[in-house]
C-alpha atoms as a PDB file:
ATOM      1  CA  UNK A   1      74.912  99.633 167.934  1.00  0.00           C
ATOM      2  CA  UNK A   2      75.397 100.043 164.367  1.00  0.00           C
ATOM      3  CA  UNK A   3      73.335  97.937 162.637  1.00  0.00           C
ATOM      4  CA  UNK A   4      75.686  94.559 161.179  1.00  0.00           C
ATOM      5  CA  UNK A   5      73.193  94.022 158.204  1.00  0.00           C
ATOM      6  CA  UNK A   6      73.128  96.040 154.271  1.00  0.00           C
ATOM      7  CA  UNK A   7      70.098  97.548 152.177  1.00  0.00           C
ATOM      8  CA  UNK A   8      70.349  94.452 150.092  1.00  0.00           C
ATOM      9  CA  UNK A   9      69.720  91.300 153.725  1.00  0.00           C
ATOM     10  CA  UNK A  10      67.993  93.852 155.296  1.00  0.00           C
ATOM     11  CA  UNK A  11      64.915  94.057 153.132  1.00  0.00           C
ATOM     12  CA  UNK A  12      64.792  90.090 152.574  1.00  0.00           C
ATOM     13  CA  UNK A  13      64.416  90.144 156.443  1.00  0.00           C
ATOM     14  CA  UNK A  14      61.562  92.615 157.179  1.00  0.00           C
ATOM     15  CA  UNK A  15      59.917  93.142 153.767  1.00  0.00           C
ATOM     16  CA  UNK A  16      57.487  90.339 154.695  1.00  0.00           C
ATOM     17  CA  UNK A  17      57.253  92.272 158.428  1.00  0.00           C
ATOM     18  CA  UNK A  18      56.304  95.055 155.831  1.00  0.00           C
ATOM     19  CA  UNK A  19      54.488  93.619 153.747  1.00  0.00           C
ATOM     20  CA  UNK A  20      52.456  91.906 156.692  1.00  0.00           C
ATOM     21  CA  UNK A  21      51.583  95.289 157.843  1.00  0.00           C
ATOM     22  CA  UNK A  22      50.480  96.821 154.866  1.00  0.00           C
ATOM     23  CA  UNK A  23      48.297  94.577 153.804  1.00  0.00           C
ATOM     24  CA  UNK A  24      46.116  95.857 156.848  1.00  0.00           C
ATOM     25  CA  UNK A  25      45.603  99.312 156.469  1.00  0.00           C
ATOM     26  CA  UNK A  26      42.655 100.176 154.351  1.00  0.00           C
ATOM     27  CA  UNK A  27      42.815 103.070 152.012  1.00  0.00           C
ATOM     28  CA  UNK A  28      40.200 105.685 151.555  1.00  0.00           C
ATOM     29  CA  UNK A  29      41.444 107.418 148.637  1.00  0.00           C
ATOM     30  CA  UNK A  30      40.139 111.169 148.444  1.00  0.00           C
ATOM     31  CA  UNK A  31      39.911 112.474 143.669  1.00  0.00           C
ATOM     32  CA  UNK A  32      41.397 110.075 142.596  1.00  0.00           C
ATOM     33  CA  UNK A  33      40.121 111.581 139.606  1.00  0.00           C
ATOM     34  CA  UNK A  34      43.304 113.713 138.971  1.00  0.00           C
ATOM     35  CA  UNK A  35      45.602 110.736 140.035  1.00  0.00           C
ATOM     36  CA  UNK A  36      43.674 108.878 136.854  1.00  0.00           C
ATOM     37  CA  UNK A  37      43.187 112.146 134.291  1.00  0.00           C
ATOM     38  CA  UNK A  38      47.388 111.463 133.862  1.00  0.00           C
ATOM     39  CA  UNK A  39      47.759 107.901 134.007  1.00  0.00           C
ATOM     40  CA  UNK A  40      49.358 106.897 130.994  1.00  0.00           C
ATOM     41  CA  UNK A  41      51.897 110.045 130.209  1.00  0.00           C
ATOM     42  CA  UNK A  42      54.845 111.372 132.423  1.00  0.00           C
ATOM     43  CA  UNK A  43      53.920 113.419 135.344  1.00  0.00           C
ATOM     44  CA  UNK A  44      55.640 114.052 138.879  1.00  0.00           C
ATOM     45  CA  UNK A  45      54.449 113.291 141.942  1.00  0.00           C
ATOM     46  CA  UNK A  46      55.402 115.099 144.757  1.00  0.00           C
ATOM     47  CA  UNK A  47      54.696 114.136 148.407  1.00  0.00           C
ATOM     48  CA  UNK A  48      56.081 115.384 151.376  1.00  0.00           C
ATOM     49  CA  UNK A  49      58.687 112.446 152.686  1.00  0.00           C
ATOM     50  CA  UNK A  50      56.420 112.315 156.921  1.00  0.00           C
ATOM     51  CA  UNK A  51      54.137 110.409 154.171  1.00  0.00           C
ATOM     52  CA  UNK A  52      56.241 107.988 151.945  1.00  0.00           C
ATOM     53  CA  UNK A  53      55.424 104.842 153.522  1.00  0.00           C
ATOM     54  CA  UNK A  54      51.303 104.868 152.962  1.00  0.00           C
ATOM     55  CA  UNK A  55      52.092 106.241 149.400  1.00  0.00           C
ATOM     56  CA  UNK A  56      55.007 103.708 148.421  1.00  0.00           C
ATOM     57  CA  UNK A  57      52.382 100.495 149.362  1.00  0.00           C
ATOM     58  CA  UNK A  58      49.865 102.875 147.726  1.00  0.00           C
ATOM     59  CA  UNK A  59      51.548 102.939 144.293  1.00  0.00           C
ATOM     60  CA  UNK A  60      53.363  99.620 144.554  1.00  0.00           C
ATOM     61  CA  UNK A  61      53.660  97.918 141.218  1.00  0.00           C
ATOM     62  CA  UNK A  62      52.875 100.917 139.067  1.00  0.00           C
ATOM     63  CA  UNK A  63      55.783 101.741 137.450  1.00  0.00           C
ATOM     64  CA  UNK A  64      57.026 104.805 139.240  1.00  0.00           C
ATOM     65  CA  UNK A  65      60.274 106.100 140.010  1.00  0.00           C
ATOM     66  CA  UNK A  66      61.160 107.509 143.039  1.00  0.00           C
ATOM     67  CA  UNK A  67      63.875 110.389 143.227  1.00  0.00           C
ATOM     68  CA  UNK A  68      66.088 108.855 146.860  1.00  0.00           C
ATOM     69  CA  UNK A  69      69.256 110.206 149.395  1.00  0.00           C
ATOM     70  CA  UNK A  70      71.993 108.905 148.153  1.00  0.00           C
ATOM     71  CA  UNK A  71      73.307 108.726 151.674  1.00  0.00           C
ATOM     72  CA  UNK A  72      73.497 105.292 152.484  1.00  0.00           C
ATOM     73  CA  UNK A  73      70.446 105.283 154.932  1.00  0.00           C
ATOM     74  CA  UNK A  74      68.792 106.481 151.485  1.00  0.00           C
ATOM     75  CA  UNK A  75      70.150 103.075 150.549  1.00  0.00           C
ATOM     76  CA  UNK A  76      67.761 101.303 152.677  1.00  0.00           C
ATOM     77  CA  UNK A  77      64.793 102.600 151.172  1.00  0.00           C
ATOM     78  CA  UNK A  78      65.489 102.264 148.196  1.00  0.00           C
ATOM     79  CA  UNK A  79      65.995  98.276 148.368  1.00  0.00           C
ATOM     80  CA  UNK A  80      63.327  98.428 150.211  1.00  0.00           C
ATOM     81  CA  UNK A  81      60.842 100.239 147.148  1.00  0.00           C
ATOM     82  CA  UNK A  82      63.223  98.299 144.773  1.00  0.00           C
ATOM     83  CA  UNK A  83      61.176  95.325 146.564  1.00  0.00           C
ATOM     84  CA  UNK A  84      57.341  97.491 145.725  1.00  0.00           C
ATOM     85  CA  UNK A  85      58.452  97.867 142.341  1.00  0.00           C
ATOM     86  CA  UNK A  86      59.975 100.649 141.723  1.00  0.00           C
ATOM     87  CA  UNK A  87      62.774 102.127 139.771  1.00  0.00           C
ATOM     88  CA  UNK A  88      65.222 104.236 141.828  1.00  0.00           C
ATOM     89  CA  UNK A  89      67.018 107.549 141.001  1.00  0.00           C
ATOM     90  CA  UNK A  90      69.856 108.235 143.871  1.00  0.00           C
ATOM     91  CA  UNK A  91      70.632 111.574 144.707  1.00  0.00           C
ATOM     92  CA  UNK A  92      70.288 114.270 146.990  1.00  0.00           C
ATOM     93  CA  UNK A  93      70.003 118.086 147.721  1.00  0.00           C
ATOM     94  CA  UNK A  94      73.234 117.974 149.640  1.00  0.00           C
ATOM     95  CA  UNK A  95      75.620 115.529 147.375  1.00  0.00           C
ATOM     96  CA  UNK A  96      75.173 114.082 143.901  1.00  0.00           C
ATOM     97  CA  UNK A  97      71.748 115.969 142.837  1.00  0.00           C
ATOM     98  CA  UNK A  98      72.482 116.874 139.572  1.00  0.00           C
ATOM     99  CA  UNK A  99      72.634 112.852 138.971  1.00  0.00           C
ATOM    100  CA  UNK A 100      68.882 112.805 140.006  1.00  0.00           C
ATOM    101  CA  UNK A 101      67.571 115.625 138.504  1.00  0.00           C
ATOM    102  CA  UNK A 102      68.818 114.306 134.882  1.00  0.00           C
ATOM    103  CA  UNK A 103      68.268 111.211 136.109  1.00  0.00           C
ATOM    104  CA  UNK A 104      64.656 112.331 136.636  1.00  0.00           C
ATOM    105  CA  UNK A 105      64.355 114.021 133.933  1.00  0.00           C
ATOM    106  CA  UNK A 106      65.067 111.113 131.048  1.00  0.00           C
ATOM    107  CA  UNK A 107      62.539 108.909 133.141  1.00  0.00           C
ATOM    108  CA  UNK A 108      60.398 111.214 132.511  1.00  0.00           C
ATOM    109  CA  UNK A 109      61.012 112.336 128.656  1.00  0.00           C
ATOM    110  CA  UNK A 110      61.115 107.932 129.170  1.00  0.00           C
ATOM    111  CA  UNK A 111      57.129 107.854 129.754  1.00  0.00           C
ATOM    112  CA  UNK A 112      57.819 107.114 133.387  1.00  0.00           C
ATOM    113  CA  UNK A 113      55.863 108.942 136.530  1.00  0.00           C
ATOM    114  CA  UNK A 114      58.617 110.004 138.682  1.00  0.00           C
ATOM    115  CA  UNK A 115      58.252 110.807 142.776  1.00  0.00           C
ATOM    116  CA  UNK A 116      60.012 113.143 145.255  1.00  0.00           C
ATOM    117  CA  UNK A 117      60.170 114.437 148.620  1.00  0.00           C
ATOM    118  CA  UNK A 118      60.631 118.151 147.675  1.00  0.00           C
ATOM    119  CA  UNK A 119      61.473 118.529 152.060  1.00  0.00           C
ATOM    120  CA  UNK A 120      63.836 115.653 151.879  1.00  0.00           C
ATOM    121  CA  UNK A 121      65.981 113.957 152.244  1.00  0.00           C
ATOM    122  CA  UNK A 122      66.864 116.529 155.721  1.00  0.00           C
ATOM    123  CA  UNK A 123      64.384 118.741 155.901  1.00  0.00           C
ATOM    124  CA  UNK A 124      63.466 121.115 156.423  1.00  0.00           C
ATOM    125  CA  UNK A 125      59.735 120.080 156.939  1.00  0.00           C
ATOM    126  CA  UNK A 126      57.507 120.696 154.618  1.00  0.00           C
ATOM    127  CA  UNK A 127      60.081 123.720 152.698  1.00  0.00           C
ATOM    128  CA  UNK A 128      60.359 123.002 149.076  1.00  0.00           C
ATOM    129  CA  UNK A 129      64.024 122.644 146.970  1.00  0.00           C
ATOM    130  CA  UNK A 130      62.307 122.917 143.536  1.00  0.00           C
ATOM    131  CA  UNK A 131      64.628 120.923 142.203  1.00  0.00           C
ATOM    132  CA  UNK A 132      62.182 118.081 140.877  1.00  0.00           C
ATOM    133  CA  UNK A 133      60.659 121.200 139.626  1.00  0.00           C
ATOM    134  CA  UNK A 134      62.988 122.084 137.339  1.00  0.00           C
ATOM    135  CA  UNK A 135      62.952 119.653 135.802  1.00  0.00           C
ATOM    136  CA  UNK A 136      59.373 118.951 135.141  1.00  0.00           C
ATOM    137  CA  UNK A 137      59.646 122.477 133.586  1.00  0.00           C
ATOM    138  CA  UNK A 138      62.288 120.818 130.842  1.00  0.00           C
ATOM    139  CA  UNK A 139      60.200 118.275 129.769  1.00  0.00           C
ATOM    140  CA  UNK A 140      56.946 120.081 130.689  1.00  0.00           C
ATOM    141  CA  UNK A 141      54.796 117.631 132.559  1.00  0.00           C
ATOM    142  CA  UNK A 142      52.294 117.955 134.839  1.00  0.00           C
ATOM    143  CA  UNK A 143      53.130 118.151 138.867  1.00  0.00           C
ATOM    144  CA  UNK A 144      50.568 116.014 141.040  1.00  0.00           C
ATOM    145  CA  UNK A 145      50.561 116.611 144.608  1.00  0.00           C
ATOM    146  CA  UNK A 146      49.747 113.554 146.701  1.00  0.00           C
ATOM    147  CA  UNK A 147      48.839 113.533 150.458  1.00  0.00           C
ATOM    148  CA  UNK A 148      47.857 111.102 152.639  1.00  0.00           C
ATOM    149  CA  UNK A 149      46.999 110.643 156.903  1.00  0.00           C
ATOM    150  CA  UNK A 150      46.545 107.860 158.861  1.00  0.00           C
ATOM    151  CA  UNK A 151      44.071 107.382 161.873  1.00  0.00           C
ATOM    152  CA  UNK A 152      46.784 105.304 163.476  1.00  0.00           C
ATOM    153  CA  UNK A 153      49.600 105.897 164.016  1.00  0.00           C
ATOM    154  CA  UNK A 154      52.460 106.188 164.909  1.00  0.00           C
ATOM    155  CA  UNK A 155      55.711 108.949 165.029  1.00  0.00           C
ATOM    156  CA  UNK A 156      59.555 108.718 164.325  1.00  0.00           C
ATOM    157  CA  UNK A 157      61.694 110.947 166.201  1.00  0.00           C
ATOM    158  CA  UNK A 158      63.107 111.928 163.237  1.00  0.00           C
ATOM    159  CA  UNK A 159      62.848 115.266 161.503  1.00  0.00           C
ATOM    160  CA  UNK A 160      59.539 114.452 159.545  1.00  0.00           C
ATOM    161  CA  UNK A 161      58.071 113.038 162.111  1.00  0.00           C
ATOM    162  CA  UNK A 162      58.202 110.198 159.996  1.00  0.00           C
ATOM    163  CA  UNK A 163      54.962 108.370 159.817  1.00  0.00           C
ATOM    164  CA  UNK A 164      53.998 104.075 160.351  1.00  0.00           C
ATOM    165  CA  UNK A 165      50.117 104.161 160.147  1.00  0.00           C
ATOM    166  CA  UNK A 166      49.335 101.102 162.617  1.00  0.00           C
ATOM    167  CA  UNK A 167      48.429  97.796 162.304  1.00  0.00           C
ATOM    168  CA  UNK A 168      44.764  97.987 160.680  1.00  0.00           C
ATOM    169  CA  UNK A 169      44.922 102.032 160.328  1.00  0.00           C
ATOM    170  CA  UNK A 170      42.923 103.573 158.422  1.00  0.00           C
ATOM    171  CA  UNK A 171      44.695 104.832 155.567  1.00  0.00           C
ATOM    172  CA  UNK A 172      43.422 108.321 153.232  1.00  0.00           C
ATOM    173  CA  UNK A 173      45.605 108.782 149.949  1.00  0.00           C
ATOM    174  CA  UNK A 174      44.345 111.963 148.489  1.00  0.00           C
ATOM    175  CA  UNK A 175      45.286 114.043 145.507  1.00  0.00           C
ATOM    176  CA  UNK A 176      45.948 117.697 144.669  1.00  0.00           C
ATOM    177  CA  UNK A 177      45.084 119.574 141.733  1.00  0.00           C
ATOM    178  CA  UNK A 178      47.580 118.745 138.451  1.00  0.00           C
ATOM    179  CA  UNK A 179      49.527 121.452 137.465  1.00  0.00           C
ATOM    180  CA  UNK A 180      52.733 122.677 135.425  1.00  0.00           C
ATOM    181  CA  UNK A 181      55.193 125.299 135.842  1.00  0.00           C
ATOM    182  CA  UNK A 182      54.882 128.101 134.236  1.00  0.00           C
ATOM    183  CA  UNK A 183      57.437 129.389 131.503  1.00  0.00           C
ATOM    184  CA  UNK A 184      57.971 133.146 133.102  1.00  0.00           C
ATOM    185  CA  UNK A 185      60.908 133.692 135.036  1.00  0.00           C
ATOM    186  CA  UNK A 186      58.899 133.665 137.893  1.00  0.00           C
ATOM    187  CA  UNK A 187      57.961 129.834 137.190  1.00  0.00           C
ATOM    188  CA  UNK A 188      59.689 127.845 139.897  1.00  0.00           C
ATOM    189  CA  UNK A 189      59.140 130.017 142.230  1.00  0.00           C
ATOM    190  CA  UNK A 190      55.108 130.816 141.416  1.00  0.00           C
ATOM    191  CA  UNK A 191      55.397 126.461 141.589  1.00  0.00           C
ATOM    192  CA  UNK A 192      56.966 126.153 144.365  1.00  0.00           C
ATOM    193  CA  UNK A 193      54.383 128.487 146.261  1.00  0.00           C
ATOM    194  CA  UNK A 194      51.166 126.266 144.367  1.00  0.00           C
ATOM    195  CA  UNK A 195      52.639 123.070 145.187  1.00  0.00           C
ATOM    196  CA  UNK A 196      52.477 124.002 149.196  1.00  0.00           C
ATOM    197  CA  UNK A 197      49.275 125.118 148.758  1.00  0.00           C
ATOM    198  CA  UNK A 198      48.010 122.470 147.006  1.00  0.00           C
ATOM    199  CA  UNK A 199      49.775 119.954 149.756  1.00  0.00           C
ATOM    200  CA  UNK A 200      48.934 122.165 153.378  1.00  0.00           C
ATOM    201  CA  UNK A 201      45.194 121.992 151.274  1.00  0.00           C
ATOM    202  CA  UNK A 202      45.048 118.172 151.124  1.00  0.00           C
ATOM    203  CA  UNK A 203      46.129 117.643 154.899  1.00  0.00           C
ATOM    204  CA  UNK A 204      43.425 119.710 155.849  1.00  0.00           C
ATOM    205  CA  UNK A 205      40.998 118.305 153.919  1.00  0.00           C
ATOM    206  CA  UNK A 206      42.125 114.683 155.216  1.00  0.00           C
ATOM    207  CA  UNK A 207      42.670 115.812 158.664  1.00  0.00           C
ATOM    208  CA  UNK A 208      40.535 112.557 160.735  1.00  0.00           C
ATOM    209  CA  UNK A 209      38.947 113.776 164.311  1.00  0.00           C
ATOM    210  CA  UNK A 210      42.222 112.739 165.987  1.00  0.00           C
ATOM    211  CA  UNK A 211      45.087 113.169 164.385  1.00  0.00           C
ATOM    212  CA  UNK A 212      47.668 111.107 163.410  1.00  0.00           C
ATOM    213  CA  UNK A 213      49.752 113.816 163.680  1.00  0.00           C
ATOM    214  CA  UNK A 214      49.947 113.676 167.213  1.00  0.00           C
ATOM    215  CA  UNK A 215      50.232 109.809 167.356  1.00  0.00           C
ATOM    216  CA  UNK A 216      47.852 108.736 169.885  1.00  0.00           C
ATOM    217  CA  UNK A 217      44.378 106.724 169.290  1.00  0.00           C
END
């Protein structure tokens, strides 16, 4: 059955319940200094699509812009993100990618941090698309990998196994080492490799004894 409500109405209906859920999470932040050292200047948050929800909640109302798919489901995410205080830049790697890239460049040039899921909106899972890296290179801003895990979480039956921490879950948020895209010909490729390594390292560092990737308690 087709969902009968649009993005704005859905956010009004579901948003308060999502806020109640998010308020129960207990956050454990790792390498906070890597993030705090960038405050006051533009930079790119780089995160896997699967960890989007807890990170949206953790960084709400901090003046961050996010790149969101221009597909219909992306507008539902965008409506919720705007409720949390984010500015949405619509586009995707499949359609409207140039629009999103120009929007990201404009936001960064204006001093706004931009968050991007390089494997979104439809995958492949944990494979980086280089678009936002090109935006970071153009504006010469740092890239900050960030990841989240939870000790108890549901995993949706989606391409990315989207993570939803359960009520009162302990959520770990970790920041990788900031880096910039090099000026040489292999700059984008090298940056993509660096980003993958940083995110993989965070995933291993923040793993729980009974990992949330299993979807079990």
